[in-house]
């Protein structure tokens, strides 16, 4: 086997092992409502890999959790953007996709993930919300608007994903509109929810 082929084979094997470990810690975190009761032994048994393989790639479970969260969020956003490649997606579209692919949010939001994971989500979603606010006469700074929108959205999703809450996508969309839209109408200096929605659907 040529050197390039050997390297490609090794890289695929490494990525496969890391994927098994990432999936294992996310599944166990959901099952145990956190990682405090999870051990490295639990993870490698769930992933069906050798214990030594864990320490080849990660120094501890926290490092694996951060890596798994970042990987799962990237996977989520890639899938969402592929689902809506030509049309700007709205809040209802995002909620619907979360209902289909909830793993990342279940781990990160519901007292299972970490502050670092939440901050990662805020940062990535703020970048994802690349709305051209410069065309508006905002009454507060752009960054504050973005973090306000994303923070409210993540808190709403966190509540929705709790086992005792089973509201429909349409109900959650309505909650979002009631909670956030009135403030954004004032901040954006527009007169209707439709105008706010149109602004949020734009991209730079």
N, C-alpha and C. Protein backbone atom coordinates (compact mmCIF):
# COMPACT_ATOMS: atom_id res chain seq x y z
N UNK A 1 0.85 -1.19 0.00
CA UNK A 1 0.00 0.00 0.00
C UNK A 1 0.88 1.25 0.00
N UNK A 2 0.60 2.20 -0.87
CA UNK A 2 1.39 3.41 -0.96
C UNK A 2 1.24 4.26 0.30
N UNK A 3 2.25 5.13 0.50
CA UNK A 3 2.26 5.97 1.71
C UNK A 3 0.99 6.80 1.82
N UNK A 4 0.55 7.40 0.69
CA UNK A 4 -0.65 8.23 0.70
C UNK A 4 -1.88 7.42 1.06
N UNK A 5 -1.96 6.20 0.55
CA UNK A 5 -3.10 5.33 0.85
C UNK A 5 -3.10 4.91 2.31
N UNK A 6 -1.91 4.61 2.83
CA UNK A 6 -1.81 4.24 4.25
C UNK A 6 -2.27 5.39 5.15
N UNK A 7 -1.83 6.60 4.79
CA UNK A 7 -2.22 7.77 5.58
C UNK A 7 -3.72 8.00 5.53
N UNK A 8 -4.32 7.87 4.33
CA UNK A 8 -5.76 8.06 4.18
C UNK A 8 -6.52 7.02 4.99
N UNK A 9 -6.02 5.78 4.95
CA UNK A 9 -6.67 4.70 5.71
C UNK A 9 -6.59 4.97 7.21
N UNK A 10 -5.41 5.43 7.67
CA UNK A 10 -5.23 5.75 9.09
C UNK A 10 -6.14 6.90 9.51
N UNK A 11 -6.23 7.93 8.64
CA UNK A 11 -7.08 9.09 8.95
C UNK A 11 -8.54 8.68 9.06
N UNK A 12 -8.98 7.80 8.16
CA UNK A 12 -10.38 7.33 8.22
C UNK A 12 -10.63 6.54 9.48
N UNK A 13 -9.64 5.72 9.88
CA UNK A 13 -9.78 4.92 11.10
C UNK A 13 -9.86 5.81 12.34
N UNK A 14 -9.01 6.85 12.36
CA UNK A 14 -9.03 7.79 13.49
C UNK A 14 -10.37 8.51 13.57
N UNK A 15 -10.85 9.00 12.44
CA UNK A 15 -12.11 9.74 12.43
C UNK A 15 -13.28 8.82 12.81
N UNK A 16 -13.22 7.57 12.39
CA UNK A 16 -14.28 6.62 12.74
C UNK A 16 -14.30 6.38 14.25
N UNK A 17 -13.11 6.20 14.83
CA UNK A 17 -13.02 5.98 16.28
C UNK A 17 -13.54 7.20 17.05
N UNK A 18 -13.15 8.40 16.62
CA UNK A 18 -13.61 9.61 17.28
C UNK A 18 -15.12 9.78 17.15
N UNK A 19 -15.66 9.40 16.00
CA UNK A 19 -17.11 9.48 15.81
C UNK A 19 -17.82 8.54 16.77
N UNK A 20 -17.30 7.34 16.95
CA UNK A 20 -17.90 6.39 17.90
C UNK A 20 -17.88 6.96 19.31
N UNK A 21 -16.75 7.56 19.70
CA UNK A 21 -16.62 8.13 21.05
C UNK A 21 -17.53 9.34 21.24
N UNK A 22 -17.61 10.19 20.23
CA UNK A 22 -18.50 11.36 20.32
C UNK A 22 -19.95 10.93 20.46
N UNK A 23 -20.35 10.01 19.63
CA UNK A 23 -21.73 9.52 19.68
C UNK A 23 -22.03 8.89 21.02
N UNK A 24 -21.07 8.13 21.54
CA UNK A 24 -21.26 7.44 22.81
C UNK A 24 -21.48 8.41 23.96
N UNK A 25 -20.65 9.47 24.06
CA UNK A 25 -20.80 10.40 25.19
C UNK A 25 -22.10 11.20 25.08
N UNK A 26 -22.51 11.55 23.85
CA UNK A 26 -23.78 12.27 23.69
C UNK A 26 -24.96 11.40 24.08
N UNK A 27 -24.96 10.16 23.63
CA UNK A 27 -26.05 9.24 23.97
C UNK A 27 -26.11 9.00 25.48
N UNK A 28 -24.95 8.80 26.09
CA UNK A 28 -24.92 8.54 27.53
C UNK A 28 -25.29 9.79 28.33
N UNK A 29 -24.91 10.96 27.84
CA UNK A 29 -25.27 12.20 28.54
C UNK A 29 -26.78 12.40 28.56
N UNK A 30 -27.44 12.08 27.45
CA UNK A 30 -28.90 12.19 27.41
C UNK A 30 -29.53 11.15 28.33
N UNK A 31 -29.03 9.94 28.27
CA UNK A 31 -29.59 8.85 29.07
C UNK A 31 -29.42 9.09 30.57
N UNK A 32 -28.30 9.73 30.97
CA UNK A 32 -27.99 9.93 32.38
C UNK A 32 -28.20 11.36 32.85
N UNK A 33 -28.77 12.20 31.97
CA UNK A 33 -29.00 13.61 32.29
C UNK A 33 -27.73 14.30 32.76
N UNK A 34 -26.65 14.08 32.05
CA UNK A 34 -25.37 14.70 32.38
C UNK A 34 -24.24 13.70 32.30
N UNK A 35 -23.02 14.18 32.57
CA UNK A 35 -21.87 13.28 32.49
C UNK A 35 -21.27 12.97 33.85
N UNK A 36 -21.87 13.50 34.93
CA UNK A 36 -21.29 13.31 36.27
C UNK A 36 -21.23 11.84 36.68
N UNK A 37 -22.20 11.06 36.22
CA UNK A 37 -22.22 9.64 36.60
C UNK A 37 -21.63 8.73 35.53
N UNK A 38 -21.08 9.33 34.48
CA UNK A 38 -20.51 8.56 33.38
C UNK A 38 -19.01 8.41 33.59
N UNK A 39 -18.48 7.25 33.27
CA UNK A 39 -17.04 7.01 33.37
C UNK A 39 -16.47 6.75 31.98
N UNK A 40 -15.14 6.80 31.91
CA UNK A 40 -14.48 6.47 30.64
C UNK A 40 -14.81 5.03 30.26
N UNK A 41 -14.92 4.16 31.24
CA UNK A 41 -15.27 2.77 30.99
C UNK A 41 -16.64 2.68 30.30
N UNK A 42 -17.61 3.47 30.78
CA UNK A 42 -18.94 3.48 30.16
C UNK A 42 -18.86 3.91 28.70
N UNK A 43 -18.06 4.94 28.45
CA UNK A 43 -17.97 5.50 27.10
C UNK A 43 -17.34 4.51 26.13
N UNK A 44 -16.22 3.90 26.52
CA UNK A 44 -15.55 2.98 25.59
C UNK A 44 -16.38 1.72 25.36
N UNK A 45 -17.13 1.31 26.38
CA UNK A 45 -18.01 0.16 26.19
C UNK A 45 -19.15 0.50 25.24
N UNK A 46 -19.71 1.69 25.40
CA UNK A 46 -20.79 2.14 24.51
C UNK A 46 -20.28 2.31 23.08
N UNK A 47 -19.06 2.84 22.95
CA UNK A 47 -18.47 3.07 21.63
C UNK A 47 -17.89 1.80 21.03
N UNK A 48 -17.68 0.78 21.86
CA UNK A 48 -17.07 -0.49 21.43
C UNK A 48 -15.67 -0.26 20.89
N UNK A 49 -14.89 0.50 21.66
CA UNK A 49 -13.48 0.71 21.32
C UNK A 49 -12.64 0.42 22.56
N UNK A 50 -11.32 0.24 22.35
CA UNK A 50 -10.42 -0.04 23.46
C UNK A 50 -10.25 1.21 24.33
N UNK A 51 -10.05 1.00 25.62
CA UNK A 51 -9.84 2.13 26.54
C UNK A 51 -8.63 2.96 26.11
N UNK A 52 -7.60 2.29 25.65
CA UNK A 52 -6.40 3.01 25.21
C UNK A 52 -6.71 3.96 24.06
N UNK A 53 -7.69 3.61 23.23
CA UNK A 53 -8.06 4.48 22.10
C UNK A 53 -8.62 5.81 22.59
N UNK A 54 -9.33 5.76 23.71
CA UNK A 54 -9.87 7.01 24.27
C UNK A 54 -8.75 8.00 24.55
N UNK A 55 -7.70 7.53 25.24
CA UNK A 55 -6.64 8.43 25.66
C UNK A 55 -5.67 8.80 24.54
N UNK A 56 -5.74 8.10 23.43
CA UNK A 56 -4.98 8.51 22.26
C UNK A 56 -5.53 9.83 21.71
N UNK A 57 -6.86 9.99 21.81
CA UNK A 57 -7.52 11.13 21.20
C UNK A 57 -7.94 12.21 22.19
N UNK A 58 -8.21 11.86 23.45
CA UNK A 58 -8.73 12.82 24.42
C UNK A 58 -8.03 12.66 25.76
N UNK A 59 -7.83 13.79 26.44
CA UNK A 59 -7.19 13.72 27.76
C UNK A 59 -8.19 13.37 28.86
N UNK A 60 -9.46 13.76 28.67
CA UNK A 60 -10.48 13.45 29.66
C UNK A 60 -11.86 13.56 29.02
N UNK A 61 -12.90 13.29 29.81
CA UNK A 61 -14.27 13.30 29.28
C UNK A 61 -14.73 14.69 28.89
N UNK A 62 -14.27 15.70 29.61
CA UNK A 62 -14.68 17.07 29.29
C UNK A 62 -14.19 17.46 27.89
N UNK A 63 -12.96 17.11 27.57
CA UNK A 63 -12.44 17.40 26.23
C UNK A 63 -13.25 16.69 25.16
N UNK A 64 -13.60 15.43 25.43
CA UNK A 64 -14.44 14.68 24.49
C UNK A 64 -15.81 15.34 24.35
N UNK A 65 -16.40 15.78 25.46
CA UNK A 65 -17.73 16.41 25.40
C UNK A 65 -17.69 17.67 24.54
N UNK A 66 -16.69 18.53 24.74
CA UNK A 66 -16.58 19.75 23.94
C UNK A 66 -16.47 19.41 22.45
N UNK A 67 -15.62 18.42 22.16
CA UNK A 67 -15.43 18.01 20.77
C UNK A 67 -16.72 17.45 20.19
N UNK A 68 -17.42 16.64 20.98
CA UNK A 68 -18.67 16.03 20.51
C UNK A 68 -19.74 17.09 20.26
N UNK A 69 -19.83 18.08 21.14
CA UNK A 69 -20.81 19.15 20.97
C UNK A 69 -20.53 19.96 19.72
N UNK A 70 -19.26 20.31 19.52
CA UNK A 70 -18.90 21.09 18.33
C UNK A 70 -19.17 20.30 17.06
N UNK A 71 -18.84 19.02 17.08
CA UNK A 71 -19.08 18.13 15.93
C UNK A 71 -20.58 18.03 15.63
N UNK A 72 -21.38 17.82 16.66
CA UNK A 72 -22.82 17.64 16.46
C UNK A 72 -23.48 18.94 16.00
N UNK A 73 -23.03 20.07 16.52
CA UNK A 73 -23.59 21.35 16.09
C UNK A 73 -23.24 21.62 14.63
N UNK A 74 -21.99 21.34 14.24
CA UNK A 74 -21.60 21.50 12.85
C UNK A 74 -22.42 20.63 11.93
N UNK A 75 -22.66 19.40 12.36
CA UNK A 75 -23.48 18.46 11.59
C UNK A 75 -24.91 18.98 11.46
N UNK A 76 -25.44 19.53 12.56
CA UNK A 76 -26.80 20.08 12.55
C UNK A 76 -26.91 21.25 11.57
N UNK A 77 -25.99 22.20 11.66
CA UNK A 77 -26.05 23.39 10.81
C UNK A 77 -25.85 23.05 9.34
N UNK A 78 -24.93 22.11 9.06
CA UNK A 78 -24.72 21.68 7.67
C UNK A 78 -26.00 21.07 7.10
N UNK A 79 -26.64 20.22 7.89
CA UNK A 79 -27.88 19.58 7.44
C UNK A 79 -28.99 20.58 7.23
N UNK A 80 -29.08 21.56 8.14
CA UNK A 80 -30.13 22.58 8.02
C UNK A 80 -29.94 23.42 6.77
N UNK A 81 -28.71 23.81 6.51
CA UNK A 81 -28.44 24.64 5.34
C UNK A 81 -28.65 23.87 4.04
N UNK A 82 -28.38 22.57 4.07
CA UNK A 82 -28.63 21.74 2.88
C UNK A 82 -30.13 21.58 2.65
N UNK A 83 -30.90 21.57 3.73
CA UNK A 83 -32.34 21.41 3.59
C UNK A 83 -32.97 22.66 3.00
N UNK A 84 -32.38 23.82 3.29
CA UNK A 84 -32.92 25.09 2.77
C UNK A 84 -31.83 25.81 1.97
N UNK A 85 -31.41 25.24 0.85
CA UNK A 85 -30.29 25.83 0.10
C UNK A 85 -30.65 27.08 -0.68
N UNK A 86 -31.89 27.21 -1.08
CA UNK A 86 -32.26 28.30 -1.98
C UNK A 86 -33.22 29.31 -1.36
N UNK A 87 -33.85 28.95 -0.24
CA UNK A 87 -34.81 29.87 0.36
C UNK A 87 -34.42 30.17 1.79
N UNK A 88 -34.52 31.42 2.22
CA UNK A 88 -34.21 31.76 3.61
C UNK A 88 -35.18 31.04 4.56
N UNK A 89 -34.64 30.41 5.57
CA UNK A 89 -35.47 29.68 6.52
C UNK A 89 -35.91 30.58 7.67
N UNK A 90 -37.08 30.30 8.21
CA UNK A 90 -37.60 31.06 9.33
C UNK A 90 -37.52 30.29 10.63
N UNK A 91 -38.04 30.88 11.69
CA UNK A 91 -38.00 30.25 13.02
C UNK A 91 -38.75 28.93 13.02
N UNK A 92 -39.90 28.88 12.34
CA UNK A 92 -40.66 27.64 12.31
C UNK A 92 -39.85 26.52 11.65
N UNK A 93 -39.15 26.86 10.57
CA UNK A 93 -38.31 25.87 9.88
C UNK A 93 -37.23 25.34 10.81
N UNK A 94 -36.62 26.25 11.57
CA UNK A 94 -35.56 25.84 12.49
C UNK A 94 -36.11 24.97 13.61
N UNK A 95 -37.25 25.33 14.16
CA UNK A 95 -37.88 24.51 15.20
C UNK A 95 -38.24 23.12 14.69
N UNK A 96 -38.74 23.07 13.46
CA UNK A 96 -39.09 21.78 12.87
C UNK A 96 -37.86 20.90 12.72
N UNK A 97 -36.76 21.51 12.29
CA UNK A 97 -35.53 20.72 12.10
C UNK A 97 -34.97 20.27 13.45
N UNK A 98 -35.07 21.12 14.46
CA UNK A 98 -34.62 20.73 15.81
C UNK A 98 -35.45 19.55 16.32
N UNK A 99 -36.74 19.55 16.03
CA UNK A 99 -37.59 18.43 16.47
C UNK A 99 -37.17 17.12 15.82
N UNK A 100 -36.59 17.21 14.63
CA UNK A 100 -36.14 16.01 13.91
C UNK A 100 -34.73 15.59 14.33
N UNK A 101 -33.90 16.57 14.71
CA UNK A 101 -32.50 16.31 15.06
C UNK A 101 -32.18 17.00 16.39
N UNK A 102 -32.73 16.50 17.50
CA UNK A 102 -32.61 17.23 18.75
C UNK A 102 -31.38 16.93 19.60
N UNK A 103 -30.54 15.97 19.19
CA UNK A 103 -29.48 15.47 20.07
C UNK A 103 -28.60 16.58 20.63
N UNK A 104 -28.08 17.44 19.77
CA UNK A 104 -27.17 18.48 20.24
C UNK A 104 -27.84 19.35 21.30
N UNK A 105 -29.04 19.78 21.02
CA UNK A 105 -29.73 20.71 21.93
C UNK A 105 -30.12 20.02 23.24
N UNK A 106 -30.47 18.74 23.16
CA UNK A 106 -30.81 18.00 24.37
C UNK A 106 -29.61 17.90 25.30
N UNK A 107 -28.43 17.74 24.73
CA UNK A 107 -27.22 17.63 25.55
C UNK A 107 -26.77 18.99 26.05
N UNK A 108 -26.73 19.97 25.16
CA UNK A 108 -26.14 21.26 25.49
C UNK A 108 -27.04 22.12 26.37
N UNK A 109 -28.36 22.06 26.15
CA UNK A 109 -29.25 23.02 26.80
C UNK A 109 -29.85 22.54 28.12
N UNK A 110 -30.24 21.29 28.20
CA UNK A 110 -31.03 20.84 29.34
C UNK A 110 -30.18 20.39 30.53
N UNK A 111 -29.36 21.31 31.03
CA UNK A 111 -28.53 21.07 32.21
C UNK A 111 -27.62 19.86 32.04
N UNK A 112 -27.28 19.55 30.81
CA UNK A 112 -26.45 18.39 30.53
C UNK A 112 -25.10 18.83 29.98
N UNK A 113 -25.11 19.87 29.18
CA UNK A 113 -23.89 20.33 28.55
C UNK A 113 -23.08 21.22 29.47
N UNK A 114 -22.38 22.16 28.90
CA UNK A 114 -21.49 23.02 29.67
C UNK A 114 -21.69 24.47 29.27
N UNK A 115 -21.16 25.37 30.10
CA UNK A 115 -21.20 26.79 29.76
C UNK A 115 -20.45 27.03 28.46
N UNK A 116 -19.33 26.32 28.29
CA UNK A 116 -18.56 26.46 27.06
C UNK A 116 -19.40 26.04 25.85
N UNK A 117 -20.18 24.96 26.02
CA UNK A 117 -21.04 24.51 24.93
C UNK A 117 -22.11 25.54 24.59
N UNK A 118 -22.68 26.15 25.62
CA UNK A 118 -23.70 27.18 25.39
C UNK A 118 -23.10 28.39 24.69
N UNK A 119 -21.91 28.80 25.13
CA UNK A 119 -21.25 29.94 24.50
C UNK A 119 -20.90 29.64 23.05
N UNK A 120 -20.49 28.40 22.79
CA UNK A 120 -20.21 27.99 21.41
C UNK A 120 -21.47 28.12 20.56
N UNK A 121 -22.59 27.68 21.10
CA UNK A 121 -23.86 27.75 20.37
C UNK A 121 -24.23 29.20 20.08
N UNK A 122 -24.11 30.06 21.08
CA UNK A 122 -24.44 31.47 20.88
C UNK A 122 -23.58 32.07 19.78
N UNK A 123 -22.26 31.80 19.84
CA UNK A 123 -21.35 32.38 18.88
C UNK A 123 -21.66 31.92 17.46
N UNK A 124 -21.88 30.62 17.30
CA UNK A 124 -22.14 30.08 15.97
C UNK A 124 -23.48 30.55 15.44
N UNK A 125 -24.50 30.57 16.29
CA UNK A 125 -25.81 31.01 15.83
C UNK A 125 -25.83 32.51 15.55
N UNK A 126 -25.05 33.28 16.28
CA UNK A 126 -24.95 34.71 15.99
C UNK A 126 -24.32 34.91 14.61
N UNK A 127 -23.29 34.11 14.32
CA UNK A 127 -22.69 34.18 12.98
C UNK A 127 -23.68 33.71 11.92
N UNK A 128 -24.46 32.69 12.28
CA UNK A 128 -25.45 32.15 11.35
C UNK A 128 -26.53 33.19 11.05
N UNK A 129 -26.84 34.02 12.05
CA UNK A 129 -27.84 35.08 11.88
C UNK A 129 -27.15 36.30 11.26
N UNK A 130 -26.66 36.12 10.05
CA UNK A 130 -25.91 37.19 9.38
C UNK A 130 -26.86 38.15 8.69
N UNK A 131 -27.68 38.81 9.48
CA UNK A 131 -28.69 39.73 8.96
C UNK A 131 -28.05 41.10 8.73
N UNK A 132 -28.32 41.73 7.58
CA UNK A 132 -27.76 43.06 7.30
C UNK A 132 -28.49 44.16 8.06
N UNK A 133 -28.26 44.24 9.37
CA UNK A 133 -28.94 45.23 10.20
C UNK A 133 -28.55 46.66 9.85
N UNK A 134 -27.45 46.82 9.12
CA UNK A 134 -26.96 48.18 8.85
C UNK A 134 -27.96 49.02 8.06
N UNK A 135 -28.89 48.36 7.38
CA UNK A 135 -29.89 49.10 6.61
C UNK A 135 -30.99 49.67 7.50
N UNK A 136 -31.00 49.25 8.75
CA UNK A 136 -32.03 49.70 9.69
C UNK A 136 -31.47 50.75 10.64
N UNK A 137 -32.35 51.55 11.18
CA UNK A 137 -31.97 52.51 12.20
C UNK A 137 -32.28 51.89 13.56
N UNK A 138 -31.35 51.04 14.02
CA UNK A 138 -31.57 50.32 15.27
C UNK A 138 -31.45 51.24 16.47
N UNK A 139 -32.24 50.94 17.49
CA UNK A 139 -32.19 51.76 18.71
C UNK A 139 -31.17 51.21 19.71
N UNK A 140 -30.59 50.02 19.43
CA UNK A 140 -29.53 49.43 20.27
C UNK A 140 -28.47 48.85 19.33
N UNK A 141 -27.26 48.57 19.84
CA UNK A 141 -26.18 48.05 18.98
C UNK A 141 -26.55 46.72 18.31
N UNK A 142 -26.00 46.49 17.11
CA UNK A 142 -26.29 45.28 16.34
C UNK A 142 -25.99 44.01 17.13
N UNK A 143 -24.82 43.95 17.77
CA UNK A 143 -24.43 42.74 18.50
C UNK A 143 -25.42 42.42 19.62
N UNK A 144 -25.93 43.46 20.27
CA UNK A 144 -26.91 43.24 21.34
C UNK A 144 -28.18 42.62 20.77
N UNK A 145 -28.61 43.10 19.60
CA UNK A 145 -29.81 42.56 18.94
C UNK A 145 -29.60 41.08 18.63
N UNK A 146 -28.45 40.75 18.05
CA UNK A 146 -28.20 39.36 17.67
C UNK A 146 -28.18 38.44 18.89
N UNK A 147 -27.47 38.85 19.94
CA UNK A 147 -27.40 38.00 21.13
C UNK A 147 -28.76 37.91 21.84
N UNK A 148 -29.54 38.97 21.76
CA UNK A 148 -30.90 38.94 22.32
C UNK A 148 -31.76 37.91 21.59
N UNK A 149 -31.71 37.94 20.26
CA UNK A 149 -32.52 37.01 19.46
C UNK A 149 -32.10 35.57 19.73
N UNK A 150 -30.80 35.29 19.66
CA UNK A 150 -30.30 33.93 19.83
C UNK A 150 -30.50 33.45 21.26
N UNK A 151 -30.25 34.31 22.24
CA UNK A 151 -30.44 33.91 23.63
C UNK A 151 -31.88 33.53 23.91
N UNK A 152 -32.82 34.32 23.43
CA UNK A 152 -34.24 34.00 23.61
C UNK A 152 -34.61 32.70 22.91
N UNK A 153 -34.07 32.51 21.72
CA UNK A 153 -34.39 31.30 20.96
C UNK A 153 -33.85 30.06 21.67
N UNK A 154 -32.60 30.11 22.12
CA UNK A 154 -32.01 28.95 22.80
C UNK A 154 -32.73 28.63 24.11
N UNK A 155 -33.14 29.66 24.84
CA UNK A 155 -33.89 29.44 26.09
C UNK A 155 -35.25 28.81 25.81
N UNK A 156 -35.89 29.25 24.73
CA UNK A 156 -37.18 28.68 24.35
C UNK A 156 -37.04 27.21 23.98
N UNK A 157 -36.01 26.89 23.21
CA UNK A 157 -35.76 25.50 22.82
C UNK A 157 -35.43 24.65 24.04
N UNK A 158 -34.65 25.21 24.96
CA UNK A 158 -34.30 24.49 26.18
C UNK A 158 -35.56 24.07 26.94
N UNK A 159 -36.49 24.99 27.07
CA UNK A 159 -37.76 24.69 27.76
C UNK A 159 -38.56 23.65 26.99
N UNK A 160 -38.61 23.79 25.69
CA UNK A 160 -39.42 22.91 24.84
C UNK A 160 -38.94 21.46 24.91
N UNK A 161 -37.63 21.26 25.03
CA UNK A 161 -37.07 19.90 24.98
C UNK A 161 -37.16 19.16 26.30
N UNK A 162 -37.65 19.81 27.33
CA UNK A 162 -37.84 19.09 28.59
C UNK A 162 -38.94 18.04 28.40
N UNK A 163 -38.79 16.86 29.01
CA UNK A 163 -39.71 15.75 28.77
C UNK A 163 -41.18 16.08 29.02
N UNK A 164 -41.44 16.98 29.97
CA UNK A 164 -42.83 17.27 30.32
C UNK A 164 -43.50 18.23 29.34
N UNK A 165 -42.75 18.81 28.42
CA UNK A 165 -43.32 19.78 27.47
C UNK A 165 -43.44 19.15 26.09
N UNK A 166 -44.63 19.14 25.56
CA UNK A 166 -44.86 18.48 24.26
C UNK A 166 -45.64 19.37 23.30
N UNK A 167 -45.37 20.67 23.37
CA UNK A 167 -46.07 21.61 22.48
C UNK A 167 -45.69 21.35 21.02
N UNK A 168 -46.61 21.67 20.14
CA UNK A 168 -46.37 21.49 18.71
C UNK A 168 -45.42 22.57 18.19
N UNK A 169 -44.92 22.35 16.99
CA UNK A 169 -44.04 23.34 16.35
C UNK A 169 -44.78 24.66 16.16
N UNK A 170 -46.04 24.58 15.76
CA UNK A 170 -46.82 25.81 15.56
C UNK A 170 -47.02 26.56 16.88
N UNK A 171 -47.25 25.83 17.96
CA UNK A 171 -47.41 26.49 19.27
C UNK A 171 -46.12 27.19 19.68
N UNK A 172 -44.98 26.52 19.47
CA UNK A 172 -43.70 27.11 19.84
C UNK A 172 -43.38 28.33 18.98
N UNK A 173 -43.74 28.25 17.71
CA UNK A 173 -43.54 29.42 16.83
C UNK A 173 -44.37 30.59 17.32
N UNK A 174 -45.60 30.30 17.76
CA UNK A 174 -46.47 31.35 18.29
C UNK A 174 -45.88 31.95 19.56
N UNK A 175 -45.34 31.10 20.45
CA UNK A 175 -44.70 31.60 21.67
C UNK A 175 -43.56 32.56 21.32
N UNK A 176 -42.74 32.14 20.36
CA UNK A 176 -41.62 32.97 19.92
C UNK A 176 -42.09 34.33 19.44
N UNK A 177 -43.13 34.30 18.62
CA UNK A 177 -43.64 35.56 18.07
C UNK A 177 -44.17 36.47 19.16
N UNK A 178 -44.86 35.90 20.14
CA UNK A 178 -45.43 36.71 21.22
C UNK A 178 -44.33 37.28 22.12
N UNK A 179 -43.29 36.51 22.35
CA UNK A 179 -42.25 36.93 23.27
C UNK A 179 -41.25 37.91 22.65
N UNK A 180 -40.92 37.71 21.40
CA UNK A 180 -39.80 38.43 20.80
C UNK A 180 -40.21 39.52 19.81
N UNK A 181 -41.24 39.25 19.03
CA UNK A 181 -41.61 40.17 17.95
C UNK A 181 -41.92 41.59 18.41
N UNK A 182 -42.70 41.80 19.48
CA UNK A 182 -43.01 43.18 19.88
C UNK A 182 -41.76 44.02 20.13
N UNK A 183 -40.78 43.44 20.79
CA UNK A 183 -39.54 44.17 21.05
C UNK A 183 -38.77 44.47 19.79
N UNK A 184 -38.73 43.50 18.87
CA UNK A 184 -37.99 43.71 17.63
C UNK A 184 -38.66 44.74 16.72
N UNK A 185 -39.99 44.81 16.78
CA UNK A 185 -40.70 45.85 16.02
C UNK A 185 -40.21 47.23 16.46
N UNK A 186 -40.08 47.41 17.77
CA UNK A 186 -39.61 48.69 18.29
C UNK A 186 -38.14 48.94 17.93
N UNK A 187 -37.30 47.92 18.11
CA UNK A 187 -35.87 48.07 17.87
C UNK A 187 -35.57 48.31 16.39
N UNK A 188 -36.29 47.60 15.53
CA UNK A 188 -36.07 47.73 14.09
C UNK A 188 -36.70 49.00 13.51
N UNK A 189 -37.64 49.57 14.25
CA UNK A 189 -38.33 50.75 13.74
C UNK A 189 -39.28 50.44 12.60
N UNK A 190 -39.91 49.24 12.68
CA UNK A 190 -40.88 48.86 11.66
C UNK A 190 -42.26 48.80 12.30
N UNK A 191 -43.28 48.42 11.51
CA UNK A 191 -44.64 48.50 12.04
C UNK A 191 -45.37 47.16 12.10
N UNK A 192 -44.72 46.08 11.66
CA UNK A 192 -45.44 44.80 11.67
C UNK A 192 -44.49 43.62 11.88
N UNK A 193 -45.06 42.49 12.31
CA UNK A 193 -44.28 41.27 12.50
C UNK A 193 -43.75 40.76 11.16
N UNK A 194 -44.53 40.96 10.10
CA UNK A 194 -44.09 40.52 8.78
C UNK A 194 -42.80 41.22 8.38
N UNK A 195 -42.71 42.50 8.67
CA UNK A 195 -41.49 43.25 8.34
C UNK A 195 -40.30 42.72 9.14
N UNK A 196 -40.53 42.38 10.40
CA UNK A 196 -39.46 41.80 11.22
C UNK A 196 -39.02 40.46 10.63
N UNK A 197 -40.00 39.61 10.29
CA UNK A 197 -39.69 38.30 9.71
C UNK A 197 -38.92 38.44 8.41
N UNK A 198 -39.29 39.42 7.60
CA UNK A 198 -38.60 39.64 6.33
C UNK A 198 -37.14 40.03 6.57
N UNK A 199 -36.90 40.86 7.58
CA UNK A 199 -35.53 41.26 7.91
C UNK A 199 -34.71 40.05 8.36
N UNK A 200 -35.29 39.21 9.23
CA UNK A 200 -34.57 38.07 9.78
C UNK A 200 -34.28 36.99 8.74
N UNK A 201 -35.03 36.99 7.65
CA UNK A 201 -34.81 36.01 6.59
C UNK A 201 -33.71 36.44 5.63
N UNK A 202 -33.28 37.67 5.72
CA UNK A 202 -32.24 38.15 4.82
C UNK A 202 -30.87 37.65 5.25
N UNK A 203 -29.96 37.63 4.29
CA UNK A 203 -28.58 37.25 4.56
C UNK A 203 -27.65 38.24 3.89
N UNK A 204 -26.49 38.42 4.48
CA UNK A 204 -25.49 39.32 3.89
C UNK A 204 -24.97 38.72 2.59
